[in-house]
Structures are given as C-alpha cells and as structure tokens.
Amino acid sequence: MNEIIKKNGTTFGLVLGLISIAITTIIYAVNLELFTKWWVGILSIVISIAIGIFIVSKTKREMNGQITFKECFSVYFVAAAIGSALSMLYNYILFNFIDPQAKETIKEITMKYTAEMLEKFGTPADAIKEAMANIAETDNYSIGNILTGLAISLLFSAIFGLILAAFFKTKSSEGL
C-alpha cells in the first residue's frame, strides 16, 4: 500500500474517531435525550461524509492528481474503519464501565419516544406493549450489539467508499 494512503488513512481515521468521541462526550455531558434525536445522527453522517470527501481529495492532491479507484477506496475505508472502531470502543467503555446508568436512561428515553411515535401512528396497544418489551430487553451497548453496529458501519462505509472512489479516481487517458 502506498505510504500516502497509509498515512492519510490512519491520520484521518484517528481524526474521525476523535470527532465521534467528542460528539458522544458532548451529547453525554449536555443532555442524554440528544442520543434519541434523528438530526444528531444526520449531522454525524454529514460530518463523516464531508471528512471522507476531504480525505480522498487531499490524498489525490498529494499524489499529484493521479489516484486509482483502489487507492481512493483504500484511503477512505481505512480511515472509516479506524474511526468507527474507536467510536464503538469508546461507546462500549462509556456505557458499560464509566456510566452504565446512562445507557438505562437512554433506553427509558427511547421507550418514551417510541411509544409516543407509535401512538401517533395509531398502532394498536398490544403492538406498542410488545415493542416496549423488545426495547426493554435489548442492551444496545453490549459487546454483541456494538460489534454488530461496527459491522453495519463498515458495510455502509464500504458502499460510500466505492461511490467516492468512482467519483474521485483519475480518469483514464486512453478513453475507456
């Protein structure tokens, strides 16, 4: 693997991870209800996409404008994988060792908002009760669910990385 790809993938992976940790810490410190807000998730995705575009663009510049599809994908995916792993590790430690009560509070908030949303949509009481029981039984911060979240994050990162690589790769001068 090219040294520029390794350096940028690793450096920006750490940046992505630290940004995610900072966002989680700020939300944790300010108001746990923010963990249940849809716009916080959208904002995190937008930040990740913007950084991804920056990573690939910067790498292409550093490679004198010549970058292959594989190199584009690799630099983005390495960064996304490192960032996601750091973020998930932090969440696991925060909600299982530092403040396990916070995950219970988030679960209660989630149950409240889910019940309200289901009621607004006219969901039958039995279905709401079942949904609440499912939420109550689920530990979103267990090692299994954290690893599942990491796998899903890597899948979406791979898909976005493929799109990004197709857009940023150096166009062939042979007119393929």
Protein backbone atom coordinates (compact mmCIF):
# COMPACT_ATOMS: atom_id res chain seq x y z
CA MET A 1 0.00 0.00 0.00
CA ASN A 2 1.25 3.47 -0.91
CA GLU A 3 2.73 5.41 2.03
CA ILE A 4 0.46 8.43 1.39
CA ILE A 5 -2.59 6.15 1.50
CA LYS A 6 -1.42 4.59 4.79
CA LYS A 7 -0.55 7.95 6.37
CA ASN A 8 -3.76 9.71 5.36
CA GLY A 9 -5.99 6.71 6.11
CA THR A 10 -4.51 6.34 9.59
CA THR A 11 -4.33 10.05 10.39
CA PHE A 12 -7.87 10.80 9.29
CA GLY A 13 -9.15 7.60 10.88
CA LEU A 14 -7.88 8.93 14.18
CA VAL A 15 -9.46 12.32 13.39
CA LEU A 16 -12.82 10.69 12.58
CA GLY A 17 -12.65 8.61 15.75
CA LEU A 18 -11.78 11.61 17.92
CA ILE A 19 -14.55 13.71 16.37
CA SER A 20 -17.06 10.93 17.04
CA ILE A 21 -15.79 10.58 20.61
CA ALA A 22 -16.06 14.36 21.08
CA ILE A 23 -19.64 14.40 19.75
CA THR A 24 -20.62 11.49 22.01
CA THR A 25 -18.97 13.14 25.02
CA ILE A 26 -20.68 16.48 24.37
CA ILE A 27 -24.08 14.82 23.99
CA TYR A 28 -23.43 12.75 27.11
CA ALA A 29 -22.47 15.87 29.08
CA VAL A 30 -25.22 18.15 27.75
CA ASN A 31 -28.36 16.02 27.51
CA LEU A 32 -28.81 12.27 27.08
CA GLU A 33 -32.05 12.90 25.17
CA LEU A 34 -29.92 14.08 22.24
CA PHE A 35 -28.92 10.44 21.66
CA THR A 36 -32.50 9.82 20.51
CA LYS A 37 -32.77 12.81 18.16
CA TRP A 38 -32.75 11.99 14.44
CA TRP A 39 -30.98 15.21 13.49
CA VAL A 40 -27.96 14.31 15.62
CA GLY A 41 -27.50 11.14 13.57
CA ILE A 42 -27.90 13.06 10.32
CA LEU A 43 -25.35 15.66 11.48
CA SER A 44 -22.86 12.90 12.33
CA ILE A 45 -23.33 11.33 8.90
CA VAL A 46 -22.86 14.69 7.14
CA ILE A 47 -19.65 15.34 9.11
CA SER A 48 -18.33 11.87 8.22
CA ILE A 49 -19.16 12.34 4.53
CA ALA A 50 -17.51 15.76 4.44
CA ILE A 51 -14.37 14.40 6.08
CA GLY A 52 -14.39 11.44 3.68
CA ILE A 53 -14.53 13.74 0.68
CA PHE A 54 -11.73 15.83 2.19
CA ILE A 55 -9.56 12.74 2.83
CA VAL A 56 -9.83 11.48 -0.74
CA SER A 57 -9.42 14.94 -2.25
CA LYS A 58 -6.33 15.66 -0.13
CA THR A 59 -4.82 12.28 -0.95
CA LYS A 60 -5.39 12.80 -4.67
CA ARG A 61 -3.66 16.22 -4.46
CA GLU A 62 -0.72 14.68 -2.58
CA MET A 63 -0.43 12.06 -5.32
CA ASN A 64 -0.17 14.77 -7.98
CA GLY A 65 -3.72 14.25 -9.18
CA GLN A 66 -3.13 10.59 -10.06
CA ILE A 67 -5.12 8.16 -7.93
CA THR A 68 -6.64 4.80 -8.80
CA PHE A 69 -10.05 3.52 -7.81
CA LYS A 70 -8.40 1.12 -5.35
CA GLU A 71 -6.31 3.89 -3.76
CA CYS A 72 -9.36 6.16 -3.36
CA PHE A 73 -11.36 3.37 -1.79
CA SER A 74 -8.48 2.23 0.42
CA VAL A 75 -7.69 5.63 1.93
CA TYR A 76 -11.35 6.27 2.72
CA PHE A 77 -12.09 2.78 4.03
CA VAL A 78 -9.00 2.65 6.26
CA ALA A 79 -9.99 5.99 7.80
CA ALA A 80 -13.64 4.95 8.21
CA ALA A 81 -12.68 1.60 9.78
CA ILE A 82 -10.30 3.20 12.29
CA GLY A 83 -12.78 5.96 13.13
CA SER A 84 -15.68 3.54 13.57
CA ALA A 85 -13.64 1.16 15.71
CA LEU A 86 -12.50 3.97 18.01
CA SER A 87 -16.05 5.31 18.30
CA MET A 88 -17.55 1.90 19.09
CA LEU A 89 -14.82 1.13 21.63
CA TYR A 90 -15.46 4.45 23.37
CA ASN A 91 -19.22 3.82 23.46
CA TYR A 92 -18.66 0.38 24.92
CA ILE A 93 -16.38 1.71 27.66
CA LEU A 94 -18.55 4.75 28.41
CA PHE A 95 -21.85 2.92 28.72
CA ASN A 96 -20.62 -0.31 30.32
CA PHE A 97 -17.87 0.82 32.69
CA ILE A 98 -17.85 4.58 33.20
CA ASP A 99 -21.61 5.19 33.46
CA PRO A 100 -23.81 2.11 32.99
CA GLN A 101 -26.79 4.06 34.36
CA ALA A 102 -26.64 6.36 31.32
CA LYS A 103 -27.50 3.50 28.96
CA GLU A 104 -30.54 2.71 31.10
CA THR A 105 -31.61 6.37 30.97
CA ILE A 106 -31.19 6.38 27.18
CA LYS A 107 -33.26 3.19 26.97
CA GLU A 108 -36.05 4.82 29.02
CA ILE A 109 -35.98 7.92 26.79
CA THR A 110 -36.05 5.71 23.69
CA MET A 111 -39.03 3.78 25.05
CA LYS A 112 -40.90 7.01 25.79
CA TYR A 113 -40.30 8.45 22.31
CA THR A 114 -41.06 5.16 20.59
CA ALA A 115 -44.35 4.76 22.46
CA GLU A 116 -45.35 8.34 21.60
CA MET A 117 -44.48 7.82 17.93
CA LEU A 118 -46.35 4.53 17.71
CA GLU A 119 -49.41 6.11 19.36
CA LYS A 120 -49.32 8.98 16.84
CA PHE A 121 -49.39 6.43 14.02
CA GLY A 122 -52.37 4.65 15.59
CA THR A 123 -50.51 1.46 16.45
CA PRO A 124 -52.60 -0.99 18.47
CA ALA A 125 -51.87 -1.12 22.22
CA ASP A 126 -50.72 -4.75 22.04
CA ALA A 127 -48.12 -3.91 19.39
CA ILE A 128 -46.88 -0.94 21.43
CA LYS A 129 -46.59 -3.15 24.51
CA GLU A 130 -44.61 -5.72 22.52
CA ALA A 131 -42.30 -3.05 21.11
CA MET A 132 -41.66 -1.71 24.60
CA ALA A 133 -40.83 -5.21 25.86
CA ASN A 134 -38.36 -5.69 22.98
CA ILE A 135 -36.64 -2.38 23.71
CA ALA A 136 -36.51 -3.16 27.44
CA GLU A 137 -34.79 -6.50 26.75
CA THR A 138 -32.19 -5.09 24.36
CA ASP A 139 -28.80 -3.84 25.52
CA ASN A 140 -27.68 -1.56 22.69
CA TYR A 141 -24.24 -1.26 24.28
CA SER A 142 -23.49 -4.97 24.76
CA ILE A 143 -20.36 -6.24 23.04
CA GLY A 144 -22.51 -8.15 20.54
CA ASN A 145 -24.59 -5.14 19.60
CA ILE A 146 -21.52 -2.89 19.48
CA LEU A 147 -19.82 -5.35 17.09
CA THR A 148 -23.00 -5.60 15.01
CA GLY A 149 -23.09 -1.80 14.83
CA LEU A 150 -19.45 -1.77 13.77
CA ALA A 151 -20.14 -4.31 11.02
CA ILE A 152 -23.08 -2.26 9.73
CA SER A 153 -20.98 0.90 9.88
CA LEU A 154 -18.22 -0.80 7.87
CA LEU A 155 -20.74 -2.02 5.30
CA PHE A 156 -22.14 1.48 4.76
CA SER A 157 -18.61 2.90 4.74
CA ALA A 158 -17.64 0.40 2.04
CA ILE A 159 -20.62 1.37 -0.10
CA PHE A 160 -19.92 5.08 0.31
CA GLY A 161 -16.20 4.44 -0.29
CA LEU A 162 -17.00 2.73 -3.60
CA ILE A 163 -19.12 5.69 -4.71
CA LEU A 164 -16.43 8.15 -3.60
CA ALA A 165 -13.71 6.17 -5.38
CA ALA A 166 -15.72 6.07 -8.61
CA PHE A 167 -16.09 9.84 -8.47
CA PHE A 168 -12.52 10.77 -7.47
CA LYS A 169 -10.41 8.22 -9.36
CA THR A 170 -8.18 9.58 -12.08
CA LYS A 171 -9.90 9.28 -15.42
CA SER A 172 -8.07 7.09 -17.90
CA SER A 173 -6.32 8.97 -20.69
CA GLU A 174 -6.91 6.01 -23.02
CA GLY A 175 -10.62 6.86 -23.34
CA LEU A 176 -12.02 3.68 -21.87
